[in-house]
Amino acid sequence: MKKTIGILGLVAGAAMMLSSAASALDSSFDAQSKSGTHKFYVWCTGGADSEQTAQGSNAAEAQASLAASAGANCWPVWQGLEG
């Protein structure tokens, strides 16, 4: 029984490590100037917050396109470049 629980713990730990590696974000200062898929936390007053992504030649461009579609009461906060 203890062996089974130990093996299940190892499998769960490995799965968590793989999923976090696959969704790793580059949140370095240099990543803001890179082209690609940028991830944002969209903060909204009077509404539900969410996490969204946007394509752009840099973080500012991606943020502007997301802000335009998010609405007047929402603001996307850059989290990192997906990689």
N, C-alpha and C. Protein backbone atom coordinates (compact mmCIF):
# COMPACT_ATOMS: atom_id res chain seq x y z
N MET A 1 0.83 -1.19 0.00
CA MET A 1 0.00 0.00 0.00
C MET A 1 0.87 1.26 0.00
N LYS A 2 1.90 1.28 0.85
CA LYS A 2 2.79 2.44 0.90
C LYS A 2 3.54 2.61 -0.41
N LYS A 3 3.90 1.47 -1.03
CA LYS A 3 4.61 1.53 -2.30
C LYS A 3 3.72 2.15 -3.38
N THR A 4 2.45 1.77 -3.39
CA THR A 4 1.52 2.30 -4.38
C THR A 4 1.34 3.81 -4.20
N ILE A 5 1.21 4.25 -2.96
CA ILE A 5 1.04 5.68 -2.69
C ILE A 5 2.31 6.43 -3.09
N GLY A 6 3.46 5.87 -2.81
CA GLY A 6 4.73 6.50 -3.20
C GLY A 6 4.87 6.63 -4.71
N ILE A 7 4.49 5.59 -5.44
CA ILE A 7 4.56 5.63 -6.90
C ILE A 7 3.57 6.65 -7.45
N LEU A 8 2.37 6.69 -6.90
CA LEU A 8 1.38 7.67 -7.35
C LEU A 8 1.87 9.10 -7.08
N GLY A 9 2.55 9.29 -5.96
CA GLY A 9 3.11 10.61 -5.65
C GLY A 9 4.18 11.01 -6.65
N LEU A 10 5.03 10.06 -7.04
CA LEU A 10 6.07 10.34 -8.02
C LEU A 10 5.46 10.68 -9.38
N VAL A 11 4.45 9.93 -9.78
CA VAL A 11 3.79 10.18 -11.06
C VAL A 11 3.12 11.55 -11.05
N ALA A 12 2.45 11.89 -9.97
CA ALA A 12 1.78 13.19 -9.88
C ALA A 12 2.81 14.33 -9.90
N GLY A 13 3.92 14.14 -9.19
CA GLY A 13 4.97 15.16 -9.18
C GLY A 13 5.59 15.35 -10.56
N ALA A 14 5.83 14.26 -11.26
CA ALA A 14 6.40 14.35 -12.61
C ALA A 14 5.42 15.03 -13.57
N ALA A 15 4.15 14.73 -13.44
CA ALA A 15 3.14 15.36 -14.30
C ALA A 15 3.08 16.86 -14.05
N MET A 16 3.17 17.27 -12.80
CA MET A 16 3.16 18.70 -12.48
C MET A 16 4.38 19.39 -13.04
N MET A 17 5.53 18.75 -12.96
CA MET A 17 6.76 19.35 -13.48
C MET A 17 6.68 19.49 -15.00
N LEU A 18 6.15 18.49 -15.68
CA LEU A 18 6.02 18.55 -17.14
C LEU A 18 5.04 19.63 -17.56
N SER A 19 3.93 19.75 -16.86
CA SER A 19 2.95 20.76 -17.25
C SER A 19 3.47 22.16 -16.98
N SER A 20 4.24 22.36 -15.92
CA SER A 20 4.79 23.69 -15.66
C SER A 20 5.91 24.01 -16.64
N ALA A 21 6.65 23.02 -17.08
CA ALA A 21 7.71 23.25 -18.07
C ALA A 21 7.10 23.58 -19.43
N ALA A 22 6.00 22.94 -19.75
CA ALA A 22 5.36 23.19 -21.04
C ALA A 22 4.73 24.57 -21.10
N SER A 23 4.31 25.08 -19.97
CA SER A 23 3.66 26.38 -19.96
C SER A 23 4.57 27.45 -19.34
N ALA A 24 5.87 27.25 -19.41
CA ALA A 24 6.81 28.20 -18.83
C ALA A 24 6.73 29.54 -19.55
N LEU A 25 6.76 30.58 -18.76
CA LEU A 25 6.74 31.93 -19.29
C LEU A 25 8.10 32.58 -19.11
N ASP A 26 8.51 33.33 -20.10
CA ASP A 26 9.72 34.14 -19.99
C ASP A 26 9.25 35.52 -19.56
N SER A 27 9.46 35.85 -18.30
CA SER A 27 9.01 37.14 -17.79
C SER A 27 10.17 38.10 -17.60
N SER A 28 11.27 37.84 -18.28
CA SER A 28 12.42 38.73 -18.19
C SER A 28 12.13 40.05 -18.90
N PHE A 29 12.89 41.06 -18.56
CA PHE A 29 12.71 42.38 -19.17
C PHE A 29 12.90 42.29 -20.69
N ASP A 30 13.85 41.50 -21.14
CA ASP A 30 14.11 41.35 -22.58
C ASP A 30 12.94 40.72 -23.33
N ALA A 31 12.17 39.86 -22.66
CA ALA A 31 11.06 39.17 -23.31
C ALA A 31 9.97 40.14 -23.75
N GLN A 32 9.88 41.29 -23.11
CA GLN A 32 8.86 42.28 -23.47
C GLN A 32 9.05 42.81 -24.88
N SER A 33 10.28 42.78 -25.36
CA SER A 33 10.55 43.32 -26.70
C SER A 33 10.54 42.25 -27.78
N LYS A 34 10.24 41.01 -27.42
CA LYS A 34 10.25 39.92 -28.39
C LYS A 34 8.87 39.67 -28.99
N SER A 35 8.88 39.19 -30.21
CA SER A 35 7.67 38.83 -30.92
C SER A 35 7.19 37.45 -30.45
N GLY A 36 5.87 37.27 -30.42
CA GLY A 36 5.34 35.97 -30.07
C GLY A 36 4.01 36.08 -29.36
N THR A 37 3.67 35.01 -28.62
CA THR A 37 2.43 34.97 -27.86
C THR A 37 2.71 35.44 -26.45
N HIS A 38 2.08 36.54 -26.08
CA HIS A 38 2.27 37.13 -24.76
C HIS A 38 1.06 36.80 -23.89
N LYS A 39 1.32 36.46 -22.63
CA LYS A 39 0.25 36.11 -21.72
C LYS A 39 -0.03 37.28 -20.79
N PHE A 40 -1.32 37.53 -20.53
CA PHE A 40 -1.75 38.65 -19.70
C PHE A 40 -2.77 38.18 -18.67
N TYR A 41 -2.74 38.83 -17.51
CA TYR A 41 -3.82 38.72 -16.55
C TYR A 41 -4.69 39.93 -16.80
N VAL A 42 -5.95 39.72 -17.18
CA VAL A 42 -6.83 40.83 -17.51
C VAL A 42 -7.66 41.16 -16.28
N TRP A 43 -7.36 42.31 -15.70
CA TRP A 43 -8.00 42.79 -14.49
C TRP A 43 -9.18 43.66 -14.88
N CYS A 44 -10.36 43.38 -14.34
CA CYS A 44 -11.57 44.12 -14.71
C CYS A 44 -12.27 44.64 -13.46
N THR A 45 -12.64 45.91 -13.47
CA THR A 45 -13.45 46.44 -12.39
C THR A 45 -14.91 46.17 -12.72
N GLY A 46 -15.62 45.64 -11.74
CA GLY A 46 -17.02 45.35 -11.94
C GLY A 46 -17.29 44.13 -12.80
N GLY A 47 -16.30 43.32 -13.02
CA GLY A 47 -16.47 42.12 -13.85
C GLY A 47 -15.47 41.05 -13.47
N ALA A 48 -15.53 39.95 -14.15
CA ALA A 48 -14.64 38.83 -13.87
C ALA A 48 -13.27 39.05 -14.49
N ASP A 49 -12.23 38.78 -13.73
CA ASP A 49 -10.86 38.82 -14.25
C ASP A 49 -10.61 37.52 -15.01
N SER A 50 -9.58 37.54 -15.87
CA SER A 50 -9.27 36.34 -16.65
C SER A 50 -7.81 36.36 -17.07
N GLU A 51 -7.35 35.24 -17.58
CA GLU A 51 -6.02 35.15 -18.18
C GLU A 51 -6.23 34.96 -19.67
N GLN A 52 -5.51 35.77 -20.48
CA GLN A 52 -5.65 35.68 -21.93
C GLN A 52 -4.29 35.84 -22.58
N THR A 53 -4.20 35.42 -23.84
CA THR A 53 -2.97 35.58 -24.61
C THR A 53 -3.27 36.43 -25.83
N ALA A 54 -2.21 37.06 -26.34
CA ALA A 54 -2.32 37.86 -27.56
C ALA A 54 -1.00 37.81 -28.31
N GLN A 55 -1.09 37.77 -29.62
CA GLN A 55 0.09 37.81 -30.49
C GLN A 55 0.53 39.25 -30.67
N GLY A 56 1.83 39.45 -30.79
CA GLY A 56 2.32 40.78 -31.07
C GLY A 56 3.81 40.78 -31.35
N SER A 57 4.27 41.83 -32.00
CA SER A 57 5.71 41.95 -32.26
C SER A 57 6.47 42.32 -30.99
N ASN A 58 5.74 42.75 -29.97
CA ASN A 58 6.30 42.98 -28.64
C ASN A 58 5.13 42.99 -27.65
N ALA A 59 5.45 43.12 -26.37
CA ALA A 59 4.42 43.07 -25.34
C ALA A 59 3.46 44.25 -25.43
N ALA A 60 3.97 45.43 -25.75
CA ALA A 60 3.12 46.62 -25.83
C ALA A 60 2.09 46.50 -26.94
N GLU A 61 2.50 45.96 -28.08
CA GLU A 61 1.56 45.78 -29.19
C GLU A 61 0.50 44.75 -28.84
N ALA A 62 0.92 43.65 -28.24
CA ALA A 62 -0.02 42.61 -27.83
C ALA A 62 -0.99 43.14 -26.77
N GLN A 63 -0.47 43.93 -25.85
CA GLN A 63 -1.31 44.50 -24.79
C GLN A 63 -2.34 45.47 -25.38
N ALA A 64 -1.92 46.28 -26.33
CA ALA A 64 -2.84 47.24 -26.96
C ALA A 64 -3.97 46.54 -27.69
N SER A 65 -3.65 45.47 -28.40
CA SER A 65 -4.71 44.75 -29.13
C SER A 65 -5.67 44.07 -28.16
N LEU A 66 -5.15 43.56 -27.07
CA LEU A 66 -5.99 42.91 -26.07
C LEU A 66 -6.83 43.93 -25.32
N ALA A 67 -6.24 45.09 -25.00
CA ALA A 67 -6.98 46.14 -24.30
C ALA A 67 -8.14 46.66 -25.14
N ALA A 68 -7.94 46.74 -26.45
CA ALA A 68 -9.00 47.22 -27.34
C ALA A 68 -10.20 46.28 -27.35
N SER A 69 -9.96 45.00 -27.19
CA SER A 69 -11.06 44.04 -27.22
C SER A 69 -11.58 43.69 -25.83
N ALA A 70 -10.84 44.05 -24.77
CA ALA A 70 -11.22 43.67 -23.41
C ALA A 70 -12.34 44.53 -22.84
N GLY A 71 -12.47 45.75 -23.30
CA GLY A 71 -13.51 46.63 -22.80
C GLY A 71 -12.94 47.76 -21.96
N ALA A 72 -13.76 48.77 -21.71
CA ALA A 72 -13.31 49.98 -21.03
C ALA A 72 -12.96 49.76 -19.56
N ASN A 73 -13.54 48.76 -18.93
CA ASN A 73 -13.29 48.52 -17.51
C ASN A 73 -12.25 47.44 -17.24
N CYS A 74 -11.51 47.04 -18.27
CA CYS A 74 -10.52 45.98 -18.11
C CYS A 74 -9.15 46.45 -18.57
N TRP A 75 -8.12 45.92 -17.94
CA TRP A 75 -6.76 46.26 -18.33
C TRP A 75 -5.89 45.01 -18.26
N PRO A 76 -5.22 44.65 -19.36
CA PRO A 76 -4.34 43.49 -19.37
C PRO A 76 -2.98 43.82 -18.74
N VAL A 77 -2.56 42.98 -17.82
CA VAL A 77 -1.27 43.12 -17.14
C VAL A 77 -0.36 42.01 -17.66
N TRP A 78 0.76 42.39 -18.23
CA TRP A 78 1.67 41.42 -18.86
C TRP A 78 2.23 40.45 -17.84
N GLN A 79 2.20 39.16 -18.16
CA GLN A 79 2.74 38.11 -17.29
C GLN A 79 4.02 37.52 -17.86
N GLY A 80 4.13 37.44 -19.19
CA GLY A 80 5.32 36.88 -19.79
C GLY A 80 5.09 36.44 -21.22
N LEU A 81 6.16 36.02 -21.84
CA LEU A 81 6.14 35.52 -23.21
C LEU A 81 6.09 34.00 -23.15
N GLU A 82 5.09 33.43 -23.81
CA GLU A 82 4.96 31.96 -23.80
C GLU A 82 6.09 31.37 -24.64
N GLY A 83 6.62 30.29 -24.16
CA GLY A 83 7.72 29.70 -24.90
C GLY A 83 7.81 28.29 -24.82
